[in-house]
């Protein structure tokens, strides 16, 4: 695709862990994903996903077939963690299916 990698950083909150996500586009709506983190759970997610490129169309649009969500469900005990959504957003942006824009969660009380 000739596009640069998408990189984003997520500070997950009270756990104190930060995860850096790299998604490099490849041909045919595929992307190579890598995670850099001190979180032991996301280290397991990265290992489970391996080095094979992900089909971003499958990850985003085939309900029940996301390898990312399956790996997170198997290795991350906190379902409210924002990292899985950030991984999917990085993949989406990397292949040109969305523009990069910072999501934000704000506690009002």
C-alpha atoms as a PDB file:
ATOM      1  CA  UNK A   1       0.000   0.000   0.000  1.00  0.00           C
ATOM      2  CA  UNK A   2       3.002   2.258   0.331  1.00  0.00           C
ATOM      3  CA  UNK A   3       1.687   3.853   3.507  1.00  0.00           C
ATOM      4  CA  UNK A   4       3.630   4.441   6.707  1.00  0.00           C
ATOM      5  CA  UNK A   5       2.842   2.514   9.849  1.00  0.00           C
ATOM      6  CA  UNK A   6       0.193   3.756  12.227  1.00  0.00           C
ATOM      7  CA  UNK A   7       1.489   4.097  15.765  1.00  0.00           C
ATOM      8  CA  UNK A   8      -0.466   4.968  18.858  1.00  0.00           C
ATOM      9  CA  UNK A   9       0.003   4.858  22.589  1.00  0.00           C
ATOM     10  CA  UNK A  10      -2.558   3.880  25.207  1.00  0.00           C
ATOM     11  CA  UNK A  11      -2.261   4.591  28.903  1.00  0.00           C
ATOM     12  CA  UNK A  12      -4.738   2.041  30.244  1.00  0.00           C
ATOM     13  CA  UNK A  13      -5.514   3.804  33.518  1.00  0.00           C
ATOM     14  CA  UNK A  14      -5.247   2.673  37.109  1.00  0.00           C
ATOM     15  CA  UNK A  15      -3.045  -0.335  36.274  1.00  0.00           C
ATOM     16  CA  UNK A  16      -0.370   2.150  35.182  1.00  0.00           C
ATOM     17  CA  UNK A  17       0.574   0.261  32.002  1.00  0.00           C
ATOM     18  CA  UNK A  18       1.171   1.932  28.674  1.00  0.00           C
ATOM     19  CA  UNK A  19       0.956  -0.017  25.426  1.00  0.00           C
ATOM     20  CA  UNK A  20       2.376   1.189  22.135  1.00  0.00           C
ATOM     21  CA  UNK A  21       0.658  -0.226  19.075  1.00  0.00           C
ATOM     22  CA  UNK A  22       2.237  -0.377  15.601  1.00  0.00           C
ATOM     23  CA  UNK A  23       0.148  -1.372  12.579  1.00  0.00           C
ATOM     24  CA  UNK A  24       1.928  -1.511   9.226  1.00  0.00           C
ATOM     25  CA  UNK A  25      -0.288  -1.858   6.165  1.00  0.00           C
ATOM     26  CA  UNK A  26       0.242  -4.626   3.667  1.00  0.00           C
ATOM     27  CA  UNK A  27      -1.468  -5.519   0.402  1.00  0.00           C
ATOM     28  CA  UNK A  28      -5.174  -6.361   0.419  1.00  0.00           C
ATOM     29  CA  UNK A  29      -6.370  -4.722   3.647  1.00  0.00           C
ATOM     30  CA  UNK A  30      -3.912  -6.660   5.741  1.00  0.00           C
ATOM     31  CA  UNK A  31      -1.690  -5.181   8.421  1.00  0.00           C
ATOM     32  CA  UNK A  32       1.254  -6.338  10.471  1.00  0.00           C
ATOM     33  CA  UNK A  33       0.618  -5.665  14.151  1.00  0.00           C
ATOM     34  CA  UNK A  34       3.137  -5.296  16.950  1.00  0.00           C
ATOM     35  CA  UNK A  35       2.650  -4.342  20.588  1.00  0.00           C
ATOM     36  CA  UNK A  36       5.223  -2.879  22.940  1.00  0.00           C
ATOM     37  CA  UNK A  37       4.245  -2.926  26.618  1.00  0.00           C
ATOM     38  CA  UNK A  38       5.215  -3.857  30.147  1.00  0.00           C
ATOM     39  CA  UNK A  39       1.727  -5.303  30.709  1.00  0.00           C
ATOM     40  CA  UNK A  40       2.098  -9.075  31.101  1.00  0.00           C
ATOM     41  CA  UNK A  41      -1.372  -9.631  29.654  1.00  0.00           C
ATOM     42  CA  UNK A  42      -0.688  -7.775  26.401  1.00  0.00           C
ATOM     43  CA  UNK A  43       2.662  -9.516  26.071  1.00  0.00           C
ATOM     44  CA  UNK A  44       0.612 -12.740  25.969  1.00  0.00           C
ATOM     45  CA  UNK A  45      -1.791 -11.187  23.442  1.00  0.00           C
ATOM     46  CA  UNK A  46       1.126 -10.237  21.192  1.00  0.00           C
ATOM     47  CA  UNK A  47       2.542 -13.744  21.455  1.00  0.00           C
ATOM     48  CA  UNK A  48      -0.847 -15.320  20.693  1.00  0.00           C
ATOM     49  CA  UNK A  49      -1.331 -13.155  17.598  1.00  0.00           C
ATOM     50  CA  UNK A  50       2.116 -14.060  16.306  1.00  0.00           C
ATOM     51  CA  UNK A  51       3.834 -12.502  13.321  1.00  0.00           C
ATOM     52  CA  UNK A  52       1.223 -13.283  10.650  1.00  0.00           C
ATOM     53  CA  UNK A  53      -0.461 -10.183   9.154  1.00  0.00           C
ATOM     54  CA  UNK A  54      -4.071  -9.638  10.183  1.00  0.00           C
ATOM     55  CA  UNK A  55      -6.924  -9.288   7.704  1.00  0.00           C
ATOM     56  CA  UNK A  56      -8.352  -5.967   8.853  1.00  0.00           C
ATOM     57  CA  UNK A  57     -11.689  -6.510   7.102  1.00  0.00           C
ATOM     58  CA  UNK A  58     -12.152  -9.720   9.126  1.00  0.00           C
ATOM     59  CA  UNK A  59     -11.056  -7.990  12.328  1.00  0.00           C
ATOM     60  CA  UNK A  60     -13.557  -5.155  11.919  1.00  0.00           C
ATOM     61  CA  UNK A  61     -16.516  -6.564  10.043  1.00  0.00           C
ATOM     62  CA  UNK A  62     -16.844 -10.324  10.631  1.00  0.00           C
ATOM     63  CA  UNK A  63     -18.512 -10.589  14.019  1.00  0.00           C
ATOM     64  CA  UNK A  64     -17.073 -13.361  16.127  1.00  0.00           C
ATOM     65  CA  UNK A  65     -13.988 -13.789  13.925  1.00  0.00           C
ATOM     66  CA  UNK A  66     -11.615 -11.154  15.292  1.00  0.00           C
ATOM     67  CA  UNK A  67      -8.283 -12.706  16.212  1.00  0.00           C
ATOM     68  CA  UNK A  68      -7.473  -9.579  18.235  1.00  0.00           C
ATOM     69  CA  UNK A  69     -10.619  -9.798  20.354  1.00  0.00           C
ATOM     70  CA  UNK A  70     -10.206 -13.558  20.814  1.00  0.00           C
ATOM     71  CA  UNK A  71      -6.608 -13.130  22.009  1.00  0.00           C
ATOM     72  CA  UNK A  72      -7.627 -10.314  24.350  1.00  0.00           C
ATOM     73  CA  UNK A  73     -10.528 -12.345  25.725  1.00  0.00           C
ATOM     74  CA  UNK A  74      -8.179 -15.254  26.415  1.00  0.00           C
ATOM     75  CA  UNK A  75      -5.369 -13.257  28.044  1.00  0.00           C
ATOM     76  CA  UNK A  76      -6.736 -10.000  29.476  1.00  0.00           C
ATOM     77  CA  UNK A  77      -8.757 -10.309  32.698  1.00  0.00           C
ATOM     78  CA  UNK A  78     -10.129  -6.752  32.580  1.00  0.00           C
ATOM     79  CA  UNK A  79     -12.893  -6.424  29.964  1.00  0.00           C
ATOM     80  CA  UNK A  80     -13.016  -2.654  30.455  1.00  0.00           C
ATOM     81  CA  UNK A  81      -9.408  -2.163  29.335  1.00  0.00           C
ATOM     82  CA  UNK A  82      -9.258   0.343  26.434  1.00  0.00           C
ATOM     83  CA  UNK A  83      -6.336  -1.375  24.662  1.00  0.00           C
ATOM     84  CA  UNK A  84      -8.364  -3.832  22.516  1.00  0.00           C
ATOM     85  CA  UNK A  85     -10.377  -0.974  20.993  1.00  0.00           C
ATOM     86  CA  UNK A  86      -7.147   0.933  20.377  1.00  0.00           C
ATOM     87  CA  UNK A  87      -5.601  -2.069  18.611  1.00  0.00           C
ATOM     88  CA  UNK A  88      -8.598  -2.309  16.296  1.00  0.00           C
ATOM     89  CA  UNK A  89      -8.528   1.460  15.691  1.00  0.00           C
ATOM     90  CA  UNK A  90      -4.827   1.301  14.762  1.00  0.00           C
ATOM     91  CA  UNK A  91      -5.536  -1.509  12.282  1.00  0.00           C
ATOM     92  CA  UNK A  92      -8.462   0.431  10.805  1.00  0.00           C
ATOM     93  CA  UNK A  93      -6.412   3.598  10.318  1.00  0.00           C
ATOM     94  CA  UNK A  94      -3.372   1.716   9.004  1.00  0.00           C
ATOM     95  CA  UNK A  95      -5.237   0.408   5.944  1.00  0.00           C
ATOM     96  CA  UNK A  96      -7.062   3.667   5.240  1.00  0.00           C
ATOM     97  CA  UNK A  97     -10.533   2.719   6.519  1.00  0.00           C
ATOM     98  CA  UNK A  98     -10.560   5.624   8.991  1.00  0.00           C
ATOM     99  CA  UNK A  99      -8.732   8.866   9.595  1.00  0.00           C
ATOM    100  CA  UNK A 100      -6.553   9.183  12.696  1.00  0.00           C
ATOM    101  CA  UNK A 101      -8.375  11.069  15.423  1.00  0.00           C
ATOM    102  CA  UNK A 102      -7.817  10.730  19.167  1.00  0.00           C
ATOM    103  CA  UNK A 103     -10.677   9.068  21.028  1.00  0.00           C
ATOM    104  CA  UNK A 104     -11.143  10.227  24.579  1.00  0.00           C
ATOM    105  CA  UNK A 105     -12.800   8.908  27.706  1.00  0.00           C
ATOM    106  CA  UNK A 106     -13.449  11.538  30.359  1.00  0.00           C
ATOM    107  CA  UNK A 107     -14.795  10.905  33.845  1.00  0.00           C
ATOM    108  CA  UNK A 108     -17.294  13.644  34.698  1.00  0.00           C
ATOM    109  CA  UNK A 109     -17.813  12.525  38.283  1.00  0.00           C
END
